Amino acid sequence: RAHEVFARIVPHLDEEDHARFSGHLQPIFTDNYATVPHASI
């Protein structure tokens, strides 16, 4: 539920913090919401 709330700050981040977000937090949220069907596993 938090990933869409976090997305609100992305346009307001400077280049350095945008890189920090993309490199460290975005992979966590992507891993969490991009789960796959049980049949795929």
Full PDB file with SEQRES, HELIX, SHEET, SSBOND, CRYST1, ORIGX, SCALE, CONECT and MASTER records, all heavy atoms in Angstrom:
SEQRES   1 A   41  ARG ALA HIS GLU VAL PHE ALA ARG ILE VAL PRO HIS LEU          
SEQRES   2 A   41  ASP GLU GLU ASP HIS ALA ARG PHE SER GLY HIS LEU GLN          
SEQRES   3 A   41  PRO ILE PHE THR ASP ASN TYR ALA THR VAL PRO HIS ALA          
SEQRES   4 A   41  SER ILE                                                      
HELIX    1 AA1 ALA A    2  PHE A    6  1                                   5    
HELIX    2 AA2 ALA A    7  HIS A   12  5                                   6    
HELIX    3 AA3 GLU A   15  ARG A   20  1                                   6    
HELIX    4 AA4 PHE A   21  LEU A   25  3                                   5    
HELIX    5 AA5 GLN A   26  TYR A   33  1                                   8    
CRYST1    1.000    1.000    1.000  90.00  90.00  90.00 P 1           1          
ORIGX1      1.000000  0.000000  0.000000        0.00000                         
ORIGX2      0.000000  1.000000  0.000000        0.00000                         
ORIGX3      0.000000  0.000000  1.000000        0.00000                         
SCALE1      1.000000  0.000000  0.000000        0.00000                         
SCALE2      0.000000  1.000000  0.000000        0.00000                         
SCALE3      0.000000  0.000000  1.000000        0.00000                         
ATOM      1  N   ARG A   1       0.820  -1.213   0.000  1.00  0.00           N  
ATOM      2  CA  ARG A   1       0.000   0.000   0.000  1.00  0.00           C  
ATOM      3  C   ARG A   1       0.855   1.265   0.000  1.00  0.00           C  
ATOM      4  O   ARG A   1       0.403   2.326  -0.438  1.00  0.00           O  
ATOM      5  CB  ARG A   1      -0.922  -0.010   1.222  1.00  0.00           C  
ATOM      6  CG  ARG A   1      -2.036  -1.061   1.135  1.00  0.00           C  
ATOM      7  CD  ARG A   1      -2.791  -1.169   2.439  1.00  0.00           C  
ATOM      8  NE  ARG A   1      -1.976  -1.776   3.486  1.00  0.00           N  
ATOM      9  CZ  ARG A   1      -2.294  -1.795   4.772  1.00  0.00           C  
ATOM     10  NH1 ARG A   1      -3.419  -1.232   5.182  1.00  0.00           N  
ATOM     11  NH2 ARG A   1      -1.512  -2.367   5.652  1.00  0.00           N  
ATOM     12  N   ALA A   2       2.088   1.157   0.492  1.00  0.00           N  
ATOM     13  CA  ALA A   2       2.940   2.346   0.629  1.00  0.00           C  
ATOM     14  C   ALA A   2       3.567   2.799  -0.681  1.00  0.00           C  
ATOM     15  O   ALA A   2       3.935   3.968  -0.816  1.00  0.00           O  
ATOM     16  CB  ALA A   2       4.036   2.086   1.661  1.00  0.00           C  
ATOM     17  N   HIS A   3       3.692   1.892  -1.648  1.00  0.00           N  
ATOM     18  CA  HIS A   3       4.464   2.277  -2.839  1.00  0.00           C  
ATOM     19  C   HIS A   3       3.805   3.415  -3.607  1.00  0.00           C  
ATOM     20  O   HIS A   3       4.488   4.300  -4.137  1.00  0.00           O  
ATOM     21  CB  HIS A   3       4.728   1.060  -3.730  1.00  0.00           C  
ATOM     22  CG  HIS A   3       3.610   0.678  -4.655  1.00  0.00           C  
ATOM     23  ND1 HIS A   3       2.621  -0.206  -4.311  1.00  0.00           N  
ATOM     24  CD2 HIS A   3       3.338   1.060  -5.930  1.00  0.00           C  
ATOM     25  CE1 HIS A   3       1.795  -0.358  -5.320  1.00  0.00           C  
ATOM     26  NE2 HIS A   3       2.198   0.400  -6.315  1.00  0.00           N  
ATOM     27  N   GLU A   4       2.468   3.440  -3.671  1.00  0.00           N  
ATOM     28  CA  GLU A   4       1.813   4.524  -4.396  1.00  0.00           C  
ATOM     29  C   GLU A   4       1.896   5.841  -3.637  1.00  0.00           C  
ATOM     30  O   GLU A   4       1.919   6.911  -4.244  1.00  0.00           O  
ATOM     31  CB  GLU A   4       0.353   4.147  -4.664  1.00  0.00           C  
ATOM     32  CG  GLU A   4       0.212   3.006  -5.660  1.00  0.00           C  
ATOM     33  CD  GLU A   4      -1.233   2.683  -5.965  1.00  0.00           C  
ATOM     34  OE1 GLU A   4      -2.109   3.104  -5.193  1.00  0.00           O  
ATOM     35  OE2 GLU A   4      -1.484   2.014  -6.986  1.00  0.00           O  
ATOM     36  N   VAL A   5       1.941   5.770  -2.321  1.00  0.00           N  
ATOM     37  CA  VAL A   5       2.116   6.988  -1.524  1.00  0.00           C  
ATOM     38  C   VAL A   5       3.526   7.526  -1.730  1.00  0.00           C  
ATOM     39  O   VAL A   5       3.739   8.732  -1.900  1.00  0.00           O  
ATOM     40  CB  VAL A   5       1.849   6.708  -0.035  1.00  0.00           C  
ATOM     41  CG1 VAL A   5       1.971   7.990   0.782  1.00  0.00           C  
ATOM     42  CG2 VAL A   5       0.458   6.098   0.158  1.00  0.00           C  
ATOM     43  N   PHE A   6       4.505   6.625  -1.721  1.00  0.00           N  
ATOM     44  CA  PHE A   6       5.898   7.041  -1.951  1.00  0.00           C  
ATOM     45  C   PHE A   6       6.053   7.694  -3.324  1.00  0.00           C  
ATOM     46  O   PHE A   6       6.840   8.635  -3.496  1.00  0.00           O  
ATOM     47  CB  PHE A   6       6.825   5.828  -1.852  1.00  0.00           C  
ATOM     48  CG  PHE A   6       7.817   5.921  -0.732  1.00  0.00           C  
ATOM     49  CD1 PHE A   6       7.736   5.071   0.352  1.00  0.00           C  
ATOM     50  CD2 PHE A   6       8.841   6.850  -0.754  1.00  0.00           C  
ATOM     51  CE1 PHE A   6       8.646   5.145   1.398  1.00  0.00           C  
ATOM     52  CE2 PHE A   6       9.758   6.938   0.276  1.00  0.00           C  
ATOM     53  CZ  PHE A   6       9.653   6.087   1.361  1.00  0.00           C  
ATOM     54  N   ALA A   7       5.297   7.197  -4.302  1.00  0.00           N  
ATOM     55  CA  ALA A   7       5.429   7.723  -5.662  1.00  0.00           C  
ATOM     56  C   ALA A   7       5.132   9.216  -5.734  1.00  0.00           C  
ATOM     57  O   ALA A   7       5.618   9.904  -6.636  1.00  0.00           O  
ATOM     58  CB  ALA A   7       4.510   6.964  -6.610  1.00  0.00           C  
ATOM     59  N   ARG A   8       4.372   9.748  -4.780  1.00  0.00           N  
ATOM     60  CA  ARG A   8       4.014  11.163  -4.813  1.00  0.00           C  
ATOM     61  C   ARG A   8       5.224  12.079  -4.658  1.00  0.00           C  
ATOM     62  O   ARG A   8       5.210  13.215  -5.135  1.00  0.00           O  
ATOM     63  CB  ARG A   8       2.997  11.471  -3.710  1.00  0.00           C  
ATOM     64  CG  ARG A   8       1.653  10.779  -3.908  1.00  0.00           C  
ATOM     65  CD  ARG A   8       0.671  11.164  -2.812  1.00  0.00           C  
ATOM     66  NE  ARG A   8       0.342  12.588  -2.854  1.00  0.00           N  
ATOM     67  CZ  ARG A   8      -0.601  13.118  -3.606  1.00  0.00           C  
ATOM     68  NH1 ARG A   8      -1.310  12.344  -4.409  1.00  0.00           N  
ATOM     69  NH2 ARG A   8      -0.850  14.412  -3.570  1.00  0.00           N  
ATOM     70  N   ILE A   9       6.271  11.583  -4.005  1.00  0.00           N  
ATOM     71  CA  ILE A   9       7.421  12.462  -3.775  1.00  0.00           C  
ATOM     72  C   ILE A   9       8.405  12.453  -4.934  1.00  0.00           C  
ATOM     73  O   ILE A   9       9.260  13.340  -5.026  1.00  0.00           O  
ATOM     74  CB  ILE A   9       8.168  12.103  -2.469  1.00  0.00           C  
ATOM     75  CG1 ILE A   9       8.963  10.784  -2.622  1.00  0.00           C  
ATOM     76  CG2 ILE A   9       7.217  12.034  -1.284  1.00  0.00           C  
ATOM     77  CD1 ILE A   9       9.937  10.516  -1.507  1.00  0.00           C  
ATOM     78  N   VAL A  10       8.309  11.459  -5.824  1.00  0.00           N  
ATOM     79  CA  VAL A  10       9.336  11.286  -6.861  1.00  0.00           C  
ATOM     80  C   VAL A  10       9.544  12.543  -7.697  1.00  0.00           C  
ATOM     81  O   VAL A  10      10.694  12.957  -7.934  1.00  0.00           O  
ATOM     82  CB  VAL A  10       9.009  10.064  -7.744  1.00  0.00           C  
ATOM     83  CG1 VAL A  10       9.971   9.977  -8.931  1.00  0.00           C  
ATOM     84  CG2 VAL A  10       9.087   8.773  -6.917  1.00  0.00           C  
ATOM     85  N   PRO A  11       8.488  13.221  -8.180  1.00  0.00           N  
ATOM     86  CA  PRO A  11       8.730  14.425  -8.991  1.00  0.00           C  
ATOM     87  C   PRO A  11       9.401  15.561  -8.225  1.00  0.00           C  
ATOM     88  O   PRO A  11       9.910  16.508  -8.848  1.00  0.00           O  
ATOM     89  CB  PRO A  11       7.312  14.840  -9.429  1.00  0.00           C  
ATOM     90  CG  PRO A  11       6.469  13.627  -9.249  1.00  0.00           C  
ATOM     91  CD  PRO A  11       7.047  12.907  -8.083  1.00  0.00           C  
ATOM     92  N   HIS A  12       9.398  15.490  -6.899  1.00  0.00           N  
ATOM     93  CA  HIS A  12       9.945  16.570  -6.082  1.00  0.00           C  
ATOM     94  C   HIS A  12      11.364  16.284  -5.579  1.00  0.00           C  
ATOM     95  O   HIS A  12      11.934  17.109  -4.854  1.00  0.00           O  
ATOM     96  CB  HIS A  12       9.015  16.822  -4.883  1.00  0.00           C  
ATOM     97  CG  HIS A  12       7.591  17.074  -5.271  1.00  0.00           C  
ATOM     98  ND1 HIS A  12       7.145  18.292  -5.728  1.00  0.00           N  
ATOM     99  CD2 HIS A  12       6.517  16.238  -5.307  1.00  0.00           C  
ATOM    100  CE1 HIS A  12       5.856  18.210  -6.008  1.00  0.00           C  
ATOM    101  NE2 HIS A  12       5.447  16.975  -5.762  1.00  0.00           N  
ATOM    102  N   LEU A  13      11.926  15.140  -5.947  1.00  0.00           N  
ATOM    103  CA  LEU A  13      13.271  14.785  -5.493  1.00  0.00           C  
ATOM    104  C   LEU A  13      14.321  15.407  -6.404  1.00  0.00           C  
ATOM    105  O   LEU A  13      14.133  15.492  -7.623  1.00  0.00           O  
ATOM    106  CB  LEU A  13      13.440  13.260  -5.494  1.00  0.00           C  
ATOM    107  CG  LEU A  13      12.524  12.453  -4.561  1.00  0.00           C  
ATOM    108  CD1 LEU A  13      12.763  10.956  -4.755  1.00  0.00           C  
ATOM    109  CD2 LEU A  13      12.740  12.852  -3.102  1.00  0.00           C  
ATOM    110  N   ASP A  14      15.438  15.824  -5.794  1.00  0.00           N  
ATOM    111  CA  ASP A  14      16.544  16.292  -6.619  1.00  0.00           C  
ATOM    112  C   ASP A  14      17.238  15.080  -7.229  1.00  0.00           C  
ATOM    113  O   ASP A  14      16.903  13.925  -6.936  1.00  0.00           O  
ATOM    114  CB  ASP A  14      17.516  17.154  -5.808  1.00  0.00           C  
ATOM    115  CG  ASP A  14      18.129  16.433  -4.612  1.00  0.00           C  
ATOM    116  OD1 ASP A  14      18.264  15.185  -4.652  1.00  0.00           O  
ATOM    117  OD2 ASP A  14      18.462  17.113  -3.613  1.00  0.00           O  
ATOM    118  N   GLU A  15      18.214  15.324  -8.085  1.00  0.00           N  
ATOM    119  CA  GLU A  15      18.843  14.238  -8.838  1.00  0.00           C  
ATOM    120  C   GLU A  15      19.496  13.214  -7.912  1.00  0.00           C  
ATOM    121  O   GLU A  15      19.389  11.996  -8.128  1.00  0.00           O  
ATOM    122  CB  GLU A  15      19.873  14.815  -9.805  1.00  0.00           C  
ATOM    123  CG  GLU A  15      20.430  13.789 -10.780  1.00  0.00           C  
ATOM    124  CD  GLU A  15      21.272  14.416 -11.871  1.00  0.00           C  
ATOM    125  OE1 GLU A  15      21.273  15.670 -11.981  1.00  0.00           O  
ATOM    126  OE2 GLU A  15      21.915  13.668 -12.619  1.00  0.00           O  
ATOM    127  N   GLU A  16      20.148  13.682  -6.856  1.00  0.00           N  
ATOM    128  CA  GLU A  16      20.824  12.760  -5.942  1.00  0.00           C  
ATOM    129  C   GLU A  16      19.829  11.865  -5.213  1.00  0.00           C  
ATOM    130  O   GLU A  16      20.000  10.642  -5.140  1.00  0.00           O  
ATOM    131  CB  GLU A  16      21.652  13.546  -4.923  1.00  0.00           C  
ATOM    132  CG  GLU A  16      22.382  12.646  -3.929  1.00  0.00           C  
ATOM    133  CD  GLU A  16      23.188  13.435  -2.901  1.00  0.00           C  
ATOM    134  OE1 GLU A  16      23.335  14.666  -3.089  1.00  0.00           O  
ATOM    135  OE2 GLU A  16      23.653  12.838  -1.924  1.00  0.00           O  
ATOM    136  N   ASP A  17      18.763  12.460  -4.664  1.00  0.00           N  
ATOM    137  CA  ASP A  17      17.778  11.657  -3.939  1.00  0.00           C  
ATOM    138  C   ASP A  17      16.956  10.789  -4.883  1.00  0.00           C  
ATOM    139  O   ASP A  17      16.508   9.697  -4.492  1.00  0.00           O  
ATOM    140  CB  ASP A  17      16.859  12.553  -3.105  1.00  0.00           C  
ATOM    141  CG  ASP A  17      17.459  12.892  -1.751  1.00  0.00           C  
ATOM    142  OD1 ASP A  17      18.497  12.289  -1.400  1.00  0.00           O  
ATOM    143  OD2 ASP A  17      16.909  13.757  -1.044  1.00  0.00           O  
ATOM    144  N   HIS A  18      16.756  11.241  -6.098  1.00  0.00           N  
ATOM    145  CA  HIS A  18      16.057  10.396  -7.067  1.00  0.00           C  
ATOM    146  C   HIS A  18      16.877   9.142  -7.333  1.00  0.00           C  
ATOM    147  O   HIS A  18      16.323   8.028  -7.425  1.00  0.00           O  
ATOM    148  CB  HIS A  18      15.816  11.155  -8.373  1.00  0.00           C  
ATOM    149  CG  HIS A  18      14.877  10.454  -9.319  1.00  0.00           C  
ATOM    150  ND1 HIS A  18      15.278   9.426 -10.124  1.00  0.00           N  
ATOM    151  CD2 HIS A  18      13.548  10.626  -9.570  1.00  0.00           C  
ATOM    152  CE1 HIS A  18      14.258   8.997 -10.843  1.00  0.00           C  
ATOM    153  NE2 HIS A  18      13.195   9.710 -10.527  1.00  0.00           N  
ATOM    154  N   ALA A  19      18.195   9.292  -7.432  1.00  0.00           N  
ATOM    155  CA  ALA A  19      19.067   8.132  -7.639  1.00  0.00           C  
ATOM    156  C   ALA A  19      19.031   7.208  -6.417  1.00  0.00           C  
ATOM    157  O   ALA A  19      19.037   5.977  -6.552  1.00  0.00           O  
ATOM    158  CB  ALA A  19      20.496   8.587  -7.925  1.00  0.00           C  
ATOM    159  N   ARG A  20      18.988   7.777  -5.216  1.00  0.00           N  
ATOM    160  CA  ARG A  20      18.901   6.954  -4.003  1.00  0.00           C  
ATOM    161  C   ARG A  20      17.582   6.180  -3.970  1.00  0.00           C  
ATOM    162  O   ARG A  20      17.554   4.991  -3.637  1.00  0.00           O  
ATOM    163  CB  ARG A  20      19.015   7.829  -2.753  1.00  0.00           C  
ATOM    164  CG  ARG A  20      20.369   8.494  -2.550  1.00  0.00           C  
ATOM    165  CD  ARG A  20      20.304   9.446  -1.368  1.00  0.00           C  
ATOM    166  NE  ARG A  20      20.082   8.730  -0.101  1.00  0.00           N  
ATOM    167  CZ  ARG A  20      19.424   9.230   0.938  1.00  0.00           C  
ATOM    168  NH1 ARG A  20      18.886  10.455   0.853  1.00  0.00           N  
ATOM    169  NH2 ARG A  20      19.282   8.534   2.033  1.00  0.00           N  
ATOM    170  N   PHE A  21      16.510   6.870  -4.299  1.00  0.00           N  
ATOM    171  CA  PHE A  21      15.208   6.210  -4.323  1.00  0.00           C  
ATOM    172  C   PHE A  21      15.203   5.076  -5.355  1.00  0.00           C  
ATOM    173  O   PHE A  21      14.778   3.953  -5.059  1.00  0.00           O  
ATOM    174  CB  PHE A  21      14.116   7.225  -4.653  1.00  0.00           C  
ATOM    175  CG  PHE A  21      12.761   6.599  -4.850  1.00  0.00           C  
ATOM    176  CD1 PHE A  21      11.967   6.287  -3.760  1.00  0.00           C  
ATOM    177  CD2 PHE A  21      12.288   6.315  -6.133  1.00  0.00           C  
ATOM    178  CE1 PHE A  21      10.708   5.692  -3.940  1.00  0.00           C  
ATOM    179  CE2 PHE A  21      11.049   5.733  -6.321  1.00  0.00           C  
ATOM    180  CZ  PHE A  21      10.257   5.419  -5.222  1.00  0.00           C  
ATOM    181  N   SER A  22      15.676   5.366  -6.569  1.00  0.00           N  
ATOM    182  CA  SER A  22      15.666   4.367  -7.642  1.00  0.00           C  
ATOM    183  C   SER A  22      16.554   3.182  -7.327  1.00  0.00           C  
ATOM    184  O   SER A  22      16.217   2.040  -7.656  1.00  0.00           O  
ATOM    185  CB  SER A  22      16.108   5.005  -8.967  1.00  0.00           C  
ATOM    186  OG  SER A  22      15.243   6.058  -9.326  1.00  0.00           O  
ATOM    187  N   GLY A  23      17.680   3.442  -6.670  1.00  0.00           N  
ATOM    188  CA  GLY A  23      18.640   2.381  -6.419  1.00  0.00           C  
ATOM    189  C   GLY A  23      18.338   1.522  -5.208  1.00  0.00           C  
ATOM    190  O   GLY A  23      18.721   0.344  -5.163  1.00  0.00           O  
ATOM    191  N   HIS A  24      17.645   2.086  -4.207  1.00  0.00           N  
ATOM    192  CA  HIS A  24      17.484   1.366  -2.941  1.00  0.00           C  
ATOM    193  C   HIS A  24      16.039   1.066  -2.559  1.00  0.00           C  
ATOM    194  O   HIS A  24      15.762  -0.024  -2.029  1.00  0.00           O  
ATOM    195  CB  HIS A  24      18.156   2.162  -1.815  1.00  0.00           C  
ATOM    196  CG  HIS A  24      19.610   2.404  -2.033  1.00  0.00           C  
ATOM    197  ND1 HIS A  24      20.563   1.410  -1.925  1.00  0.00           N  
ATOM    198  CD2 HIS A  24      20.296   3.527  -2.388  1.00  0.00           C  
ATOM    199  CE1 HIS A  24      21.757   1.906  -2.182  1.00  0.00           C  
ATOM    200  NE2 HIS A  24      21.626   3.188  -2.473  1.00  0.00           N  
ATOM    201  N   LEU A  25      15.122   1.985  -2.780  1.00  0.00           N  
ATOM    202  CA  LEU A  25      13.741   1.762  -2.360  1.00  0.00           C  
ATOM    203  C   LEU A  25      12.867   1.200  -3.483  1.00  0.00           C  
ATOM    204  O   LEU A  25      12.040   0.309  -3.255  1.00  0.00           O  
ATOM    205  CB  LEU A  25      13.123   3.057  -1.831  1.00  0.00           C  
ATOM    206  CG  LEU A  25      13.680   3.571  -0.503  1.00  0.00           C  
ATOM    207  CD1 LEU A  25      12.938   4.836  -0.076  1.00  0.00           C  
ATOM    208  CD2 LEU A  25      13.571   2.507   0.591  1.00  0.00           C  
ATOM    209  N   GLN A  26      13.035   1.712  -4.680  1.00  0.00           N  
ATOM    210  CA  GLN A  26      12.194   1.243  -5.777  1.00  0.00           C  
ATOM    211  C   GLN A  26      12.283  -0.267  -5.983  1.00  0.00           C  
ATOM    212  O   GLN A  26      11.249  -0.912  -6.214  1.00  0.00           O  
ATOM    213  CB  GLN A  26      12.542   1.980  -7.074  1.00  0.00           C  
ATOM    214  CG  GLN A  26      11.586   1.666  -8.216  1.00  0.00           C  
ATOM    215  CD  GLN A  26      11.843   2.523  -9.447  1.00  0.00           C  
ATOM    216  OE1 GLN A  26      12.403   3.619  -9.364  1.00  0.00           O  
ATOM    217  NE2 GLN A  26      11.436   2.028 -10.596  1.00  0.00           N  
ATOM    218  N   PRO A  27      13.479  -0.895  -5.902  1.00  0.00           N  
ATOM    219  CA  PRO A  27      13.528  -2.355  -6.057  1.00  0.00           C  
ATOM    220  C   PRO A  27      12.710  -3.106  -5.011  1.00  0.00           C  
ATOM    221  O   PRO A  27      12.164  -4.173  -5.305  1.00  0.00           O  
ATOM    222  CB  PRO A  27      15.029  -2.671  -5.918  1.00  0.00           C  
ATOM    223  CG  PRO A  27      15.723  -1.409  -6.312  1.00  0.00           C  
ATOM    224  CD  PRO A  27      14.843  -0.312  -5.805  1.00  0.00           C  
ATOM    225  N   ILE A  28      12.593  -2.553  -3.794  1.00  0.00           N  
ATOM    226  CA  ILE A  28      11.798  -3.204  -2.751  1.00  0.00           C  
ATOM    227  C   ILE A  28      10.326  -3.157  -3.116  1.00  0.00           C  
ATOM    228  O   ILE A  28       9.617  -4.176  -3.062  1.00  0.00           O  
ATOM    229  CB  ILE A  28      12.030  -2.506  -1.393  1.00  0.00           C  
ATOM    230  CG1 ILE A  28      13.467  -2.680  -0.945  1.00  0.00           C  
ATOM    231  CG2 ILE A  28      11.072  -3.050  -0.336  1.00  0.00           C  
ATOM    232  CD1 ILE A  28      13.832  -1.837   0.256  1.00  0.00           C  
ATOM    233  N   PHE A  29       9.848  -1.984  -3.486  1.00  0.00           N  
ATOM    234  CA  PHE A  29       8.440  -1.852  -3.833  1.00  0.00           C  
ATOM    235  C   PHE A  29       8.098  -2.680  -5.071  1.00  0.00           C  
ATOM    236  O   PHE A  29       7.044  -3.319  -5.131  1.00  0.00           O  
ATOM    237  CB  PHE A  29       8.090  -0.379  -4.066  1.00  0.00           C  
ATOM    238  CG  PHE A  29       8.173   0.460  -2.826  1.00  0.00           C  
ATOM    239  CD1 PHE A  29       8.995   1.580  -2.764  1.00  0.00           C  
ATOM    240  CD2 PHE A  29       7.443   0.133  -1.696  1.00  0.00           C  
ATOM    241  CE1 PHE A  29       9.066   2.354  -1.617  1.00  0.00           C  
ATOM    242  CE2 PHE A  29       7.511   0.894  -0.540  1.00  0.00           C  
ATOM    243  CZ  PHE A  29       8.325   2.013  -0.506  1.00  0.00           C  
ATOM    244  N   THR A  30       8.999  -2.683  -6.052  1.00  0.00           N  
ATOM    245  CA  THR A  30       8.761  -3.472  -7.260  1.00  0.00           C  
ATOM    246  C   THR A  30       8.703  -4.955  -6.924  1.00  0.00           C  
ATOM    247  O   THR A  30       7.828  -5.686  -7.406  1.00  0.00           O  
ATOM    248  CB  THR A  30       9.851  -3.198  -8.306  1.00  0.00           C  
ATOM    249  OG1 THR A  30       9.870  -1.801  -8.620  1.00  0.00           O  
ATOM    250  CG2 THR A  30       9.590  -3.994  -9.575  1.00  0.00           C  
ATOM    251  N   ASP A  31       9.623  -5.408  -6.088  1.00  0.00           N  
ATOM    252  CA  ASP A  31       9.625  -6.809  -5.680  1.00  0.00           C  
ATOM    253  C   ASP A  31       8.329  -7.172  -4.979  1.00  0.00           C  
ATOM    254  O   ASP A  31       7.787  -8.270  -5.158  1.00  0.00           O  
ATOM    255  CB  ASP A  31      10.819  -7.061  -4.754  1.00  0.00           C  
ATOM    256  CG  ASP A  31      10.875  -8.491  -4.235  1.00  0.00           C  
ATOM    257  OD1 ASP A  31      11.237  -9.387  -5.010  1.00  0.00           O  
ATOM    258  OD2 ASP A  31      10.532  -8.710  -3.046  1.00  0.00           O  
ATOM    259  N   ASN A  32       7.806  -6.250  -4.192  1.00  0.00           N  
ATOM    260  CA  ASN A  32       6.612  -6.512  -3.397  1.00  0.00           C  
ATOM    261  C   ASN A  32       5.344  -6.544  -4.247  1.00  0.00           C  
ATOM    262  O   ASN A  32       4.521  -7.453  -4.122  1.00  0.00           O  
ATOM    263  CB  ASN A  32       6.496  -5.459  -2.296  1.00  0.00           C  
ATOM    264  CG  ASN A  32       5.232  -5.586  -1.476  1.00  0.00           C  
ATOM    265  OD1 ASN A  32       4.213  -4.989  -1.801  1.00  0.00           O  
ATOM    266  ND2 ASN A  32       5.289  -6.362  -0.407  1.00  0.00           N  
ATOM    267  N   TYR A  33       5.171  -5.547  -5.141  1.00  0.00           N  
ATOM    268  CA  TYR A  33       3.916  -5.510  -5.898  1.00  0.00           C  
ATOM    269  C   TYR A  33       3.972  -6.366  -7.156  1.00  0.00           C  
ATOM    270  O   TYR A  33       2.930  -6.701  -7.736  1.00  0.00           O  
ATOM    271  CB  TYR A  33       3.468  -4.084  -6.227  1.00  0.00           C  
ATOM    272  CG  TYR A  33       4.237  -3.352  -7.309  1.00  0.00           C  
ATOM    273  CD1 TYR A  33       4.131  -3.704  -8.644  1.00  0.00           C  
ATOM    274  CD2 TYR A  33       5.033  -2.250  -6.998  1.00  0.00           C  
ATOM    275  CE1 TYR A  33       4.814  -3.026  -9.635  1.00  0.00           C  
ATOM    276  CE2 TYR A  33       5.720  -1.555  -7.976  1.00  0.00           C  
ATOM    277  CZ  TYR A  33       5.607  -1.936  -9.294  1.00  0.00           C  
ATOM    278  OH  TYR A  33       6.281  -1.262 -10.268  1.00  0.00           O  
ATOM    279  N   ALA A  34       5.168  -6.753  -7.592  1.00  0.00           N  
ATOM    280  CA  ALA A  34       5.296  -7.552  -8.813  1.00  0.00           C  
ATOM    281  C   ALA A  34       5.390  -9.040  -8.494  1.00  0.00           C  
ATOM    282  O   ALA A  34       6.099  -9.789  -9.176  1.00  0.00           O  
ATOM    283  CB  ALA A  34       6.505  -7.090  -9.621  1.00  0.00           C  
ATOM    284  N   THR A  35       4.682  -9.476  -7.456  1.00  0.00           N  
ATOM    285  CA  THR A  35       4.598 -10.905  -7.209  1.00  0.00           C  
ATOM    286  C   THR A  35       3.886 -11.566  -8.381  1.00  0.00           C  
ATOM    287  O   THR A  35       3.188 -10.906  -9.157  1.00  0.00           O  
ATOM    288  CB  THR A  35       3.836 -11.181  -5.903  1.00  0.00           C  
ATOM    289  OG1 THR A  35       2.566 -10.526  -5.953  1.00  0.00           O  
ATOM    290  CG2 THR A  35       4.625 -10.679  -4.689  1.00  0.00           C  
ATOM    291  N   VAL A  36       4.053 -12.872  -8.501  1.00  0.00           N  
ATOM    292  CA  VAL A  36       3.579 -13.553  -9.703  1.00  0.00           C  
ATOM    293  C   VAL A  36       2.615 -14.677  -9.331  1.00  0.00           C  
ATOM    294  O   VAL A  36       2.573 -15.138  -8.185  1.00  0.00           O  
ATOM    295  CB  VAL A  36       4.760 -14.109 -10.525  1.00  0.00           C  
ATOM    296  CG1 VAL A  36       5.688 -12.982 -10.962  1.00  0.00           C  
ATOM    297  CG2 VAL A  36       5.529 -15.160  -9.742  1.00  0.00           C  
ATOM    298  N   PRO A  37       1.825 -15.130 -10.303  1.00  0.00           N  
ATOM    299  CA  PRO A  37       0.899 -16.232 -10.037  1.00  0.00           C  
ATOM    300  C   PRO A  37       1.613 -17.467  -9.505  1.00  0.00           C  
ATOM    301  O   PRO A  37       2.754 -17.759  -9.879  1.00  0.00           O  
ATOM    302  CB  PRO A  37       0.282 -16.504 -11.418  1.00  0.00           C  
ATOM    303  CG  PRO A  37       0.412 -15.220 -12.163  1.00  0.00           C  
ATOM    304  CD  PRO A  37       1.701 -14.618 -11.681  1.00  0.00           C  
ATOM    305  N   HIS A  38       0.934 -18.192  -8.655  1.00  0.00           N  
ATOM    306  CA  HIS A  38       1.533 -19.412  -8.096  1.00  0.00           C  
ATOM    307  C   HIS A  38       1.931 -20.387  -9.197  1.00  0.00           C  
ATOM    308  O   HIS A  38       2.956 -21.071  -9.103  1.00  0.00           O  
ATOM    309  CB  HIS A  38       0.548 -20.073  -7.136  1.00  0.00           C  
ATOM    310  CG  HIS A  38       0.249 -19.234  -5.931  1.00  0.00           C  
ATOM    311  ND1 HIS A  38      -0.580 -19.662  -4.914  1.00  0.00           N  
ATOM    312  CD2 HIS A  38       0.660 -17.996  -5.546  1.00  0.00           C  
ATOM    313  CE1 HIS A  38      -0.663 -18.739  -3.983  1.00  0.00           C  
ATOM    314  NE2 HIS A  38       0.077 -17.706  -4.357  1.00  0.00           N  
ATOM    315  N   ALA A  39       1.120 -20.442 -10.261  1.00  0.00           N  
ATOM    316  CA  ALA A  39       1.432 -21.351 -11.362  1.00  0.00           C  
ATOM    317  C   ALA A  39       2.755 -21.007 -12.027  1.00  0.00           C  
ATOM    318  O   ALA A  39       3.466 -21.896 -12.512  1.00  0.00           O  
ATOM    319  CB  ALA A  39       0.300 -21.332 -12.392  1.00  0.00           C  
ATOM    320  N   SER A  40       3.109 -19.729 -12.061  1.00  0.00           N  
ATOM    321  CA  SER A  40       4.385 -19.325 -12.667  1.00  0.00           C  
ATOM    322  C   SER A  40       5.553 -19.855 -11.853  1.00  0.00           C  
ATOM    323  O   SER A  40       6.555 -20.333 -12.412  1.00  0.00           O  
ATOM    324  CB  SER A  40       4.448 -17.795 -12.770  1.00  0.00           C  
ATOM    325  OG  SER A  40       3.453 -17.299 -13.639  1.00  0.00           O  
ATOM    326  N   ILE A  41       5.448 -19.774 -10.518  1.00  0.00           N  
ATOM    327  CA  ILE A  41       6.500 -20.317  -9.662  1.00  0.00           C  
ATOM    328  C   ILE A  41       6.572 -21.835  -9.818  1.00  0.00           C  
ATOM    329  O   ILE A  41       7.665 -22.419  -9.917  1.00  0.00           O  
ATOM    330  CB  ILE A  41       6.248 -19.950  -8.185  1.00  0.00           C  
ATOM    331  CG1 ILE A  41       6.214 -18.424  -8.010  1.00  0.00           C  
ATOM    332  CG2 ILE A  41       7.306 -20.572  -7.281  1.00  0.00           C  
ATOM    333  CD1 ILE A  41       7.521 -17.734  -8.288  1.00  0.00           C  
TER     334      ILE A  41                                                      
MASTER        0    0    0    5    0    0    0    6  333    1    0    4          
END                                                                             
